[in-house]
Structure formats: structure tokens, C-alpha cells
Amino acid sequence: QVQLVESGGGLVQAGGSLRLTCAASRRTFSTYAMAWFRQAPGKEREFVGAIRWSGGRIYYADSVKGRFTISRENAKNTVYLQMNSLKPEDTAVYYCAADDYPPSTLSNSDYQGYDYWGQGTQVTVFS
């Protein structure tokens, strides 16, 4: 079992930046990948990006490519989501997720492939 705790959400003006943090409660040696998803009111959960823990390969949704950056800090069992050039349509609850070994056979953008989820952190972008 692992607990994921997100932080860093808040209220920001369009064009601004936020950095979200996802801290895992245990060492991530058994983690295959970690991801960020978001869910806006009345909408389905949407893939934002993912990082493979071994090798560090990163994937992004087209809607955030070039604006958002995922990074990790192994020593702290932590993943970050740096969000720049924020838009009102980025408003959502942002969730961190982890896929343990063995890795899911689903696409890394499929939320059903993740074993653990954080409680979410609200991001609100106003124009």
C-alpha cells in the first residue's frame, strides 16, 4: 500500500503558474509509473501526464504539452507538476496516481491502469 498526498493547488490568474507536489508514503522502488490526472465539474477524469519511475520517460496530453512539466525527486519519493501559462480551461481537481509493478497493460493515459490515487488538489484559473 502507498498513500499519495497532493499539494500546491490554488487560485491563479490566467497566464500564471502553479507547482503541484505529490508525495508518496513509501519508497517508490516498486512503482512503475506515476501520473497526473484532472477532473473538471461534469467532465470525465482526464490524463495530464505520466512519468516512468525507471528511466524517467515522460508523456503529456496534447492539451498541456509545452506548458506543463512533470519531474521527480527520487530521494523524496515525490513527483511534481509544474504548470505554466495556465488557462481557465485548466481549472479542475488534480489527482496524482501510481501504477505499481507489474505494470498495467492499459495505456498510461487510462485511469483504470493505476493502483493508487491521492485525494486531489483544486486548481482554479480565472481570467
Foldseek 3Di string as FASTA:
>chain_A
DKAWAKDWADEEAAQAKIKMKIFIPDQCPQFQKKFKWWDDPPDDIWGAKMFGPPPTDIDGDPVQPPFWDWDADRVRNMIMIIGGRDDQVVWTWMKMFTAGPPFFPDDPGDPVRTDYMYPTDTHGYHD
